[in-house]
Protein backbone atom coordinates (compact mmCIF):
# COMPACT_ATOMS: atom_id res chain seq x y z
CA MET A 1 153.21 69.80 26.33
CA SER A 2 156.88 70.76 25.94
CA ARG A 3 159.64 68.19 25.51
CA LEU A 4 163.40 67.87 25.43
CA ILE A 5 165.13 66.02 22.61
CA VAL A 6 168.51 64.72 23.74
CA ARG A 7 171.04 63.33 21.30
CA GLY A 8 173.49 61.27 23.27
CA GLY A 9 177.14 60.38 22.89
CA THR A 10 179.01 63.61 23.63
CA LYS A 11 181.35 64.21 26.57
CA LEU A 12 180.61 67.20 28.78
CA GLN A 13 183.64 69.47 29.11
CA GLY A 14 183.97 72.94 30.58
CA GLU A 15 182.53 74.96 33.45
CA LEU A 16 179.03 75.04 34.95
CA GLU A 17 177.88 77.54 37.55
CA VAL A 18 175.31 76.52 40.14
CA TYR A 19 172.58 78.96 41.09
CA ASN A 20 171.22 79.34 44.58
CA ALA A 21 169.08 76.66 46.19
CA LYS A 22 165.40 76.43 45.33
CA ASN A 23 164.59 74.84 48.67
CA CYS A 24 166.44 77.60 50.50
CA VAL A 25 164.83 80.44 48.52
CA LEU A 26 161.31 79.06 49.07
CA ALA A 27 161.79 78.88 52.84
CA LEU A 28 163.27 82.40 52.92
CA LEU A 29 160.36 83.77 50.89
CA ALA A 30 158.01 82.36 53.49
CA ALA A 31 160.14 83.74 56.33
CA SER A 32 160.32 87.21 54.77
CA ILE A 33 156.69 87.96 55.65
CA LEU A 34 157.53 87.86 59.37
CA THR A 35 158.62 91.50 59.08
CA GLU A 36 156.78 94.56 57.79
CA GLU A 37 160.08 95.92 56.48
CA LYS A 38 161.54 95.20 53.06
CA VAL A 39 163.64 92.10 52.42
CA ILE A 40 165.98 91.53 49.48
CA LEU A 41 167.10 88.05 48.40
CA HIS A 42 169.99 87.94 45.92
CA LYS A 43 170.75 85.46 43.11
CA CYS A 44 167.39 83.68 43.12
CA PRO A 45 166.60 81.08 40.44
CA MET A 46 163.86 82.05 37.99
CA ILE A 47 162.13 78.67 38.13
CA ALA A 48 158.51 77.55 38.29
CA ASP A 49 158.42 76.75 42.01
CA VAL A 50 159.71 80.22 42.89
CA TYR A 51 157.12 81.85 40.63
CA SER A 52 154.40 79.71 42.24
CA MET A 53 155.44 80.89 45.71
CA ILE A 54 155.46 84.50 44.51
CA LYS A 55 151.89 84.07 43.23
CA ILE A 56 150.79 82.89 46.67
CA LEU A 57 152.51 85.84 48.36
CA ASP A 58 150.92 88.28 45.93
CA ASP A 59 147.52 86.75 46.64
CA ILE A 60 147.84 87.44 50.39
CA GLY A 61 148.89 91.07 49.94
CA VAL A 62 152.68 90.80 49.72
CA LYS A 63 154.46 92.76 47.00
CA VAL A 64 157.29 90.84 45.32
CA GLU A 65 159.27 92.13 42.39
CA TRP A 66 162.32 90.97 40.47
CA GLN A 67 165.32 93.27 40.20
CA ASN A 68 167.56 91.35 37.79
CA ASP A 69 168.04 88.08 39.70
CA SER A 70 167.23 89.56 43.12
CA LEU A 71 163.81 89.50 44.77
CA LEU A 72 162.43 92.51 46.66
CA ILE A 73 159.73 91.49 49.16
CA ASP A 74 157.48 94.04 50.87
CA SER A 75 155.06 92.47 53.37
CA GLN A 76 153.79 95.65 54.98
CA LEU A 77 150.31 95.19 53.48
CA LEU A 78 149.95 91.47 54.28
CA ASN A 79 146.20 91.21 54.80
CA ARG A 80 144.99 87.68 54.04
CA TYR A 81 145.36 84.62 56.21
CA GLU A 82 143.93 82.17 53.66
CA ILE A 83 146.30 80.38 51.29
CA SER A 84 144.51 79.88 47.98
CA PRO A 85 143.96 76.18 47.21
CA ASN A 86 144.64 76.80 43.52
CA TYR A 87 148.13 78.08 44.24
CA ALA A 88 148.99 75.88 47.21
CA LYS A 89 148.49 72.72 45.17
CA GLU A 90 151.23 73.83 42.76
CA VAL A 91 154.07 73.85 45.27
CA ARG A 92 154.59 71.92 48.49
CA SER A 93 156.59 74.74 50.08
CA SER A 94 153.35 76.68 50.50
CA ILE A 95 153.05 74.77 53.78
CA PHE A 96 155.87 76.94 55.23
CA LEU A 97 153.54 79.90 54.99
CA MET A 98 151.38 78.42 57.75
CA GLY A 99 154.03 79.19 60.35
CA SER A 100 154.93 82.64 59.07
CA ILE A 101 151.32 83.78 58.55
CA LEU A 102 150.51 82.58 62.06
CA GLY A 103 153.48 84.60 63.28
CA ARG A 104 152.20 87.80 61.67
CA LEU A 105 148.40 87.46 61.76
CA LYS A 106 147.89 84.78 64.46
CA LYS A 107 145.58 82.91 62.11
CA VAL A 108 145.81 80.91 58.89
CA ASN A 109 143.54 78.80 56.69
CA ALA A 110 145.27 76.41 54.31
CA VAL A 111 144.88 73.23 52.27
CA PHE A 112 147.12 70.23 52.12
CA PRO A 113 149.98 71.22 49.79
CA GLY A 114 150.91 69.93 46.34
CA GLY A 115 154.20 69.38 44.52
CA CYS A 116 155.69 66.23 43.04
CA ASP A 117 153.83 62.95 43.37
CA ILE A 118 156.64 60.98 45.03
CA GLY A 119 154.79 59.64 48.06
CA LEU A 120 152.31 60.51 50.77
CA ARG A 121 154.50 63.15 52.47
CA PRO A 122 152.03 63.66 55.33
CA ILE A 123 152.14 66.92 57.27
CA ASP A 124 151.33 65.29 60.61
CA LEU A 125 154.70 66.41 61.99
CA HIS A 126 153.93 70.02 61.07
CA LEU A 127 150.56 69.92 62.78
CA LYS A 128 151.85 68.14 65.88
CA GLY A 129 154.59 70.75 66.24
CA LEU A 130 152.22 73.68 65.83
CA ARG A 131 149.80 72.20 68.36
CA ALA A 132 152.69 71.91 70.83
CA LEU A 133 152.89 75.73 70.60
CA ASN A 134 149.26 75.91 71.75
CA ILE A 135 147.98 76.63 68.25
CA SER A 136 144.45 75.35 67.68
CA ILE A 137 144.06 73.41 64.40
CA GLN A 138 140.81 72.11 62.97
CA GLU A 139 140.66 69.89 59.87
CA TYR A 140 137.57 69.81 57.62
CA GLY A 141 137.38 68.38 54.11
CA GLY A 142 141.05 68.83 53.26
CA TYR A 143 141.23 72.31 54.78
CA LEU A 144 143.19 73.38 57.86
CA TYR A 145 141.91 76.15 60.12
CA CYS A 146 144.60 77.37 62.51
CA ASP A 147 144.19 79.85 65.38
CA GLY A 148 147.33 81.13 67.11
CA GLN A 149 145.81 83.79 69.36
CA SER A 150 146.84 81.83 72.48
CA ALA A 151 150.11 80.46 71.09
CA HIS A 152 153.32 80.54 73.13
CA GLY A 153 156.72 78.90 73.22
CA GLY A 154 156.87 75.22 74.02
CA ALA A 155 158.72 71.92 73.69
CA VAL A 156 158.47 70.12 70.34
CA HIS A 157 159.92 66.70 69.54
CA LEU A 158 159.84 65.52 65.95
CA ASP A 159 159.34 61.78 65.43
CA PHE A 160 161.34 62.14 62.20
CA PRO A 161 163.81 64.93 61.32
CA SER A 162 161.60 66.48 58.63
CA VAL A 163 163.04 69.53 56.89
CA GLY A 164 159.63 71.09 56.24
CA ALA A 165 158.34 70.52 59.77
CA THR A 166 161.54 71.91 61.28
CA GLU A 167 161.28 75.05 59.16
CA ASN A 168 157.57 75.52 59.79
CA ILE A 169 157.91 75.26 63.57
CA ILE A 170 160.82 77.70 63.56
CA LEU A 171 158.77 80.20 61.56
CA ALA A 172 155.76 79.82 63.84
CA SER A 173 157.79 80.34 67.03
CA VAL A 174 160.03 83.30 66.14
CA LEU A 175 157.49 85.96 67.23
CA LEU A 176 155.91 84.04 70.12
CA ASP A 177 156.28 84.81 73.80
CA GLY A 178 158.60 82.40 75.55
CA ILE A 179 161.21 79.88 74.49
CA THR A 180 160.65 77.03 72.05
CA VAL A 181 162.91 73.98 72.13
CA ILE A 182 162.69 71.70 69.07
CA THR A 183 164.42 68.32 69.28
CA ASN A 184 165.29 65.69 66.65
CA VAL A 185 165.28 68.43 64.02
CA ALA A 186 166.54 68.24 60.45
CA LYS A 187 170.19 69.25 60.02
CA GLU A 188 170.15 70.18 56.33
CA PRO A 189 172.21 73.21 55.20
CA GLU A 190 168.94 74.93 54.27
CA ILE A 191 167.96 74.87 57.97
CA VAL A 192 171.21 76.61 58.88
CA ALA A 193 170.57 79.19 56.14
CA LEU A 194 167.08 79.85 57.49
CA GLN A 195 168.49 80.40 60.97
CA ASP A 196 171.17 82.76 59.59
CA PHE A 197 168.51 84.70 57.68
CA LEU A 198 166.21 85.08 60.70
CA VAL A 199 169.08 86.00 63.03
CA ALA A 200 170.08 88.71 60.54
CA MET A 201 166.50 90.01 60.89
CA GLY A 202 166.79 90.17 64.69
CA ALA A 203 165.56 86.72 65.74
CA HIS A 204 167.11 84.80 68.65
CA ILE A 205 167.73 81.28 67.34
CA SER A 206 170.54 78.80 67.94
CA GLY A 207 171.36 75.18 67.23
CA ALA A 208 170.72 74.83 63.49
CA GLY A 209 172.88 72.05 62.11
CA THR A 210 172.56 70.08 65.36
CA SER A 211 169.72 67.89 66.65
CA THR A 212 168.24 70.66 68.88
CA ILE A 213 167.14 74.17 67.95
CA VAL A 214 166.22 76.80 70.53
CA VAL A 215 164.07 79.80 69.61
CA GLU A 216 163.65 82.68 72.04
CA GLY A 217 160.69 84.72 70.85
CA VAL A 218 161.11 88.40 69.96
CA LYS A 219 158.52 91.14 69.47
CA LYS A 220 159.57 92.28 66.01
CA LEU A 221 161.89 91.52 63.09
CA HIS A 222 163.47 94.00 60.69
CA GLY A 223 164.34 93.94 57.01
CA VAL A 224 167.53 92.46 55.59
CA GLU A 225 169.53 91.76 52.43
CA PHE A 226 170.57 88.13 52.17
CA THR A 227 172.10 85.70 49.67
CA PRO A 228 170.74 82.14 49.83
CA ILE A 229 173.13 79.17 49.74
CA PRO A 230 174.07 77.39 46.48
CA ASP A 231 171.91 74.49 45.36
CA ARG A 232 173.66 71.26 46.39
CA ILE A 233 171.16 69.17 44.40
CA ILE A 234 171.88 71.07 41.19
CA ALA A 235 175.62 70.73 41.86
CA GLY A 236 175.16 67.01 42.45
CA THR A 237 173.15 66.64 39.25
CA TYR A 238 175.95 68.32 37.28
CA LEU A 239 178.55 66.11 38.97
CA ILE A 240 176.62 62.98 37.99
CA ALA A 241 176.19 64.34 34.45
CA GLY A 242 179.97 64.57 34.16
CA ALA A 243 180.36 60.97 35.30
CA PHE A 244 177.60 59.80 32.94
CA THR A 245 179.38 61.13 29.86
CA GLY A 246 183.01 60.45 30.74
CA GLY A 247 183.34 64.19 31.00
CA ASP A 248 185.68 66.79 32.48
CA LEU A 249 183.70 69.44 34.39
CA LEU A 250 184.44 72.26 36.81
CA ILE A 251 181.31 72.98 38.85
CA LYS A 252 181.41 76.50 40.30
CA ASN A 253 179.47 78.25 43.10
CA CYS A 254 178.89 75.14 45.20
CA ARG A 255 179.80 73.99 48.70
CA PRO A 256 181.60 70.63 48.69
CA GLN A 257 181.06 70.34 52.46
CA ASP A 258 177.32 70.00 51.78
CA MET A 259 177.90 67.18 49.27
CA LYS A 260 180.10 64.75 51.19
CA ALA A 261 177.62 61.86 50.98
CA LEU A 262 177.53 62.05 47.17
CA ILE A 263 181.24 62.72 46.66
CA SER A 264 182.27 59.85 48.92
CA LYS A 265 180.12 57.45 46.86
CA MET A 266 181.36 58.67 43.49
CA ASP A 267 185.03 59.31 44.23
CA ASP A 268 186.23 55.71 43.95
CA CYS A 269 183.91 54.70 41.12
CA CYS A 270 183.68 57.57 38.64
CA GLY A 271 187.16 58.98 38.21
CA ARG A 272 188.98 61.76 40.03
CA ILE A 273 186.96 64.31 42.01
CA THR A 274 188.82 67.32 43.43
CA GLU A 275 187.20 69.61 46.00
CA TYR A 276 188.01 73.31 46.33
CA HIS A 277 186.54 76.04 48.53
CA ASP A 278 183.59 76.85 46.30
CA CYS A 279 183.84 74.47 43.37
CA ILE A 280 184.32 70.81 42.43
CA HIS A 281 186.24 69.31 39.51
CA ILE A 282 185.44 65.88 38.07
CA LYS A 283 187.61 64.12 35.50
CA SER A 284 185.62 60.97 34.93
CA VAL A 285 186.49 57.57 33.47
CA PRO A 286 184.79 56.35 30.26
CA ARG A 287 182.62 53.90 32.19
CA PRO A 288 182.09 54.14 35.96
CA THR A 289 182.23 51.20 38.35
CA SER A 290 178.94 50.43 40.08
CA ILE A 291 178.42 51.80 43.56
CA LYS A 292 177.61 48.67 45.57
CA ALA A 293 175.05 50.16 47.95
CA ILE A 294 173.28 53.51 48.26
CA GLU A 295 170.75 54.26 50.98
CA THR A 296 168.94 57.58 51.29
CA GLN A 297 168.92 59.21 54.71
CA PRO A 298 168.33 62.65 56.24
CA PHE A 299 171.34 64.98 56.04
CA PRO A 300 174.26 64.33 56.35
CA GLY A 301 173.27 61.01 54.77
CA PHE A 302 172.73 60.47 51.06
CA PRO A 303 169.99 62.88 49.86
CA THR A 304 166.77 61.49 48.45
CA ASP A 305 166.77 64.35 45.92
CA LEU A 306 169.84 62.78 44.25
CA GLN A 307 168.65 59.18 44.41
CA THR A 308 167.02 59.19 40.98
CA GLN A 309 170.11 60.67 39.30
CA ILE A 310 172.59 58.30 40.97
CA LEU A 311 170.34 55.33 40.17
CA ALA A 312 170.34 56.38 36.53
CA LEU A 313 174.15 56.48 36.59
CA GLN A 314 174.23 52.89 37.84
CA THR A 315 172.38 51.74 34.71
CA ILE A 316 175.56 52.18 32.63
CA SER A 317 178.10 51.42 35.37
CA ASN A 318 180.13 48.21 35.43
CA GLY A 319 178.61 45.88 38.05
CA VAL A 320 175.54 45.65 40.25
CA SER A 321 174.20 48.32 42.61
CA MET A 322 171.51 48.25 45.29
CA ILE A 323 169.60 51.48 46.03
CA VAL A 324 167.38 51.76 49.11
CA GLU A 325 164.90 54.67 49.27
CA ASN A 326 164.05 55.41 52.91
CA ILE A 327 162.44 58.85 52.59
CA PHE A 328 159.69 58.67 49.93
CA GLU A 329 157.83 55.46 49.22
CA THR A 330 157.12 56.01 45.50
CA ARG A 331 160.35 57.55 44.27
CA PHE A 332 161.10 54.85 41.71
CA LYS A 333 158.64 56.05 39.06
CA HIS A 334 161.52 56.87 36.74
CA VAL A 335 162.61 53.21 36.71
CA ALA A 336 159.97 52.20 34.15
CA GLU A 337 161.16 55.03 31.90
CA LEU A 338 164.81 54.03 32.24
CA THR A 339 163.96 50.48 31.21
CA LYS A 340 162.61 51.90 27.92
CA LEU A 341 166.18 52.99 27.28
CA GLY A 342 167.46 49.46 27.93
CA ALA A 343 168.29 49.68 31.64
CA ASP A 344 168.27 46.48 33.72
CA ILE A 345 166.48 47.31 36.98
CA VAL A 346 164.40 45.26 39.40
CA VAL A 347 162.37 47.01 42.12
CA ARG A 348 160.91 45.44 45.25
CA ASP A 349 159.14 47.86 47.60
CA ARG A 350 161.78 50.48 48.47
CA VAL A 351 164.78 48.62 47.05
CA ALA A 352 166.08 48.80 43.47
CA LEU A 353 168.69 46.38 42.11
CA VAL A 354 170.50 47.81 39.10
CA ARG A 355 172.71 45.72 36.81
CA GLY A 356 174.77 48.00 34.62
CA VAL A 357 174.61 47.64 30.83
CA LYS A 358 177.17 48.81 28.31
CA THR A 359 174.71 50.68 26.13
CA LEU A 360 171.48 52.63 26.54
CA ARG A 361 169.41 53.38 23.45
CA GLY A 362 167.24 56.41 22.88
CA ALA A 363 163.47 56.21 23.29
CA GLU A 364 160.45 58.35 24.14
CA VAL A 365 160.01 58.72 27.90
CA PHE A 366 157.96 60.77 30.37
CA ALA A 367 159.06 62.78 33.42
CA HIS A 368 156.79 61.95 36.36
CA ASP A 369 158.47 64.25 38.88
CA LEU A 370 161.23 66.83 39.21
CA ARG A 371 164.27 64.71 40.08
CA GLY A 372 163.14 61.73 38.02
CA GLY A 373 162.90 64.03 35.02
CA ALA A 374 166.47 65.22 35.58
CA ALA A 375 167.61 61.59 35.75
CA LEU A 376 166.08 60.94 32.33
CA VAL A 377 167.94 63.91 30.84
CA LEU A 378 171.22 62.51 32.20
CA ALA A 379 170.46 59.06 30.82
CA GLY A 380 169.70 60.62 27.44
CA LEU A 381 173.17 62.18 27.40
CA ARG A 382 174.64 58.67 27.39
CA ALA A 383 172.08 56.83 25.25
CA GLU A 384 172.73 56.07 21.62
CA GLY A 385 170.51 58.01 19.25
CA GLN A 386 167.70 60.31 20.31
CA THR A 387 165.83 60.42 23.61
CA VAL A 388 162.59 62.40 23.80
CA ILE A 389 161.58 63.49 27.30
CA ASN A 390 157.97 64.60 27.67
CA ASN A 391 156.22 66.44 30.50
CA ILE A 392 159.27 68.57 31.25
CA ARG A 393 157.24 71.05 33.31
CA HIS A 394 158.35 68.93 36.27
CA ILE A 395 162.02 69.54 35.41
CA ASP A 396 161.43 73.26 34.98
CA ARG A 397 160.00 73.44 38.51
CA GLY A 398 163.48 73.01 39.96
CA TYR A 399 166.09 73.45 37.21
CA TYR A 400 166.64 76.79 35.51
CA LYS A 401 167.15 76.11 31.78
CA LEU A 402 168.83 72.76 32.39
CA ASP A 403 169.05 72.18 28.64
CA GLU A 404 170.94 75.43 28.04
CA ALA A 405 173.32 74.78 30.91
CA LEU A 406 174.23 71.32 29.64
CA ASN A 407 174.48 72.53 26.03
CA SER A 408 177.05 75.10 27.16
CA VAL A 409 179.43 72.24 28.02
CA GLY A 410 178.84 70.08 24.96
CA ALA A 411 175.42 68.44 25.26
CA ASP A 412 173.04 68.28 22.29
CA ILE A 413 169.59 69.08 23.67
CA VAL A 414 166.73 70.76 21.83
CA ARG A 415 163.66 72.12 23.59
CA GLU A 416 160.39 71.84 21.65
CA VAL A 417 157.49 73.94 22.89
CA ASP A 418 153.92 73.26 21.82
CA LEU A 419 152.05 76.44 21.02
């Protein structure tokens, strides 16, 4: 088991460049198999979740190769409609392949997907949406058997604006006869990017970024070169890291318009934040003021994927903060680890009350999930002494060499790898 050893107490100063969004790249990889022609995705992060998705694609007959940091996808020989359980349990985004495999082969067998253990994350919305397209789905012993031979466009209403369900239904409907209207959809920037990608391939889709998406089915899609959007969660993590350490950071290759919920919370409490076209500058104060209330919501609300990091920041802020987690019911697993560092946190159901302390002290902690692991790294940057973070495979699923990036702006982090 690998670990990170963080020696706290240094200010972060300099420039950090954000790579393109994991959650966007994974959806585009799934969408790329809707055409038999070659697809190229530029500036993709070389992280564990992307490699896991590539393994699944390779297993079903899709050729994927790296060319520097670009991915070349050739789906001409796609020949399997079964998603291997061994691979699917590694990454939740394997569920997107249901829609795209159905689009190409009209049939798919899958298992319930894996990923971080941050709650139940049921796929009922996915299945309800696919059934609304006249796709037959049978469930036996944790397996899903889907038949789309009689599928056609239809009306789909989501009970909750789920990102994954929105993407899956779009992918399933692109090549169907007829028009599909999806209401109460997710509005995340990654949904807009998926629409832009598919439209560039010849799809007829409109409405991404609003509450209703309309898909007019086409017979065929063609290949394309495309650059995914920057990762707003990585950018947000870096922004919080700057505030944690009283730092002075310029965060490049990001889209401030996608981060308004975070910036609006931090701007009055953490120092001066300046937004530019494709970068953000933070000149933070030595100790932030607590953010009184934070409540996670679907986009454009405060993102659940930044809740753990902003909660960690409140542990050293001056005052009391209340954090409400509305998206995932068990996303406070990092709280017990933060208390090992001296944090003062009380959790009741989906609400955490954080009373800021002046000093955190290093300890040995464990990452239980991707974003919680990142939060522990940030806390370690501020803690006195040495913080050892175990189980960092979770962090590596979504952050490309986070330790090296932070070290480049003044952090003191050592990665130890067990042989």
